[in-house]
Protein backbone atom coordinates (compact mmCIF):
# COMPACT_ATOMS: atom_id res chain seq x y z
CA MET A 1 21.25 17.45 -5.07
CA GLY A 2 23.51 15.98 -2.03
CA ASP A 3 22.26 12.52 -0.84
CA SER A 4 18.70 12.99 -2.87
CA ASP A 5 17.53 10.88 -5.39
CA HIS A 6 15.99 14.06 -7.11
CA PRO A 7 18.04 15.63 -9.95
CA ASN A 8 17.42 18.99 -9.18
CA HIS A 9 15.22 21.29 -6.83
CA PRO A 10 12.02 21.46 -9.20
CA ALA A 11 11.99 17.66 -9.30
CA LEU A 12 12.10 17.76 -5.50
CA ALA A 13 9.40 20.32 -5.02
CA ARG A 14 7.19 18.43 -7.21
CA ARG A 15 7.70 15.40 -5.47
CA LEU A 16 6.97 17.12 -2.12
CA GLN A 17 3.97 18.76 -3.76
CA ASP A 18 2.49 15.51 -4.71
CA TYR A 19 3.03 13.82 -1.43
CA LEU A 20 1.51 16.68 0.36
CA ARG A 21 -1.59 16.55 -1.87
CA TRP A 22 -1.70 12.76 -1.12
CA ARG A 23 -1.52 13.16 2.48
CA ASN A 24 -4.16 15.75 2.74
CA THR A 25 -6.62 13.65 0.40
CA ASN A 26 -5.95 10.48 2.77
CA ALA A 27 -6.07 12.23 5.97
CA CYS A 28 -7.75 11.19 9.01
CA HIS A 29 -10.09 13.14 11.15
CA PRO A 30 -8.57 14.64 14.31
CA ASP A 31 -10.96 12.46 16.54
CA VAL A 32 -9.96 9.37 14.99
CA LEU A 33 -6.41 9.93 15.04
CA ALA A 34 -7.06 10.95 18.79
CA ALA A 35 -9.01 7.90 19.53
CA GLN A 36 -6.09 5.69 17.90
CA ARG A 37 -3.83 7.28 19.92
CA ARG A 38 -5.71 6.64 23.32
CA GLU A 39 -6.24 3.02 21.97
CA ARG A 40 -2.45 2.57 21.56
CA ALA A 41 -1.68 4.14 25.28
CA ARG A 42 -4.16 1.93 26.87
CA ILE A 43 -2.75 -1.20 25.15
CA ARG A 44 0.84 0.10 26.56
CA SER A 45 -0.25 0.69 29.92
CA GLU A 46 -1.75 -2.87 30.17
CA ARG A 47 1.45 -4.15 29.03
CA GLN A 48 3.22 -1.88 31.53
CA GLN A 49 5.35 -0.68 28.43
CA ARG A 50 6.59 2.84 27.81
CA TRP A 51 7.58 4.63 24.94
CA GLY A 52 11.60 4.46 24.19
CA ARG A 53 12.23 1.88 26.90
CA PRO A 54 12.94 -1.67 25.39
CA ARG A 55 11.37 -4.67 27.14
CA THR A 56 13.68 -6.29 29.48
CA THR A 57 13.65 -10.09 29.89
CA THR A 58 14.35 -11.32 33.24
CA ASN A 59 16.18 -14.90 33.29
CA ALA A 60 15.48 -16.61 36.23
CA ALA A 61 18.45 -18.70 37.80
């Protein structure tokens, strides 16, 4: 199948179902995920860092 490592559609579908089953079994509670997002946002704000913007280094001359 194109650029896939799977030999055919049924094999791909099986792997997708396996992944979804694993993901649903190991899912975190939405409140935990929201708390993790808030903590990451707090850390980014302390560092004055925004998403998608690389850190710039200033060289004092």
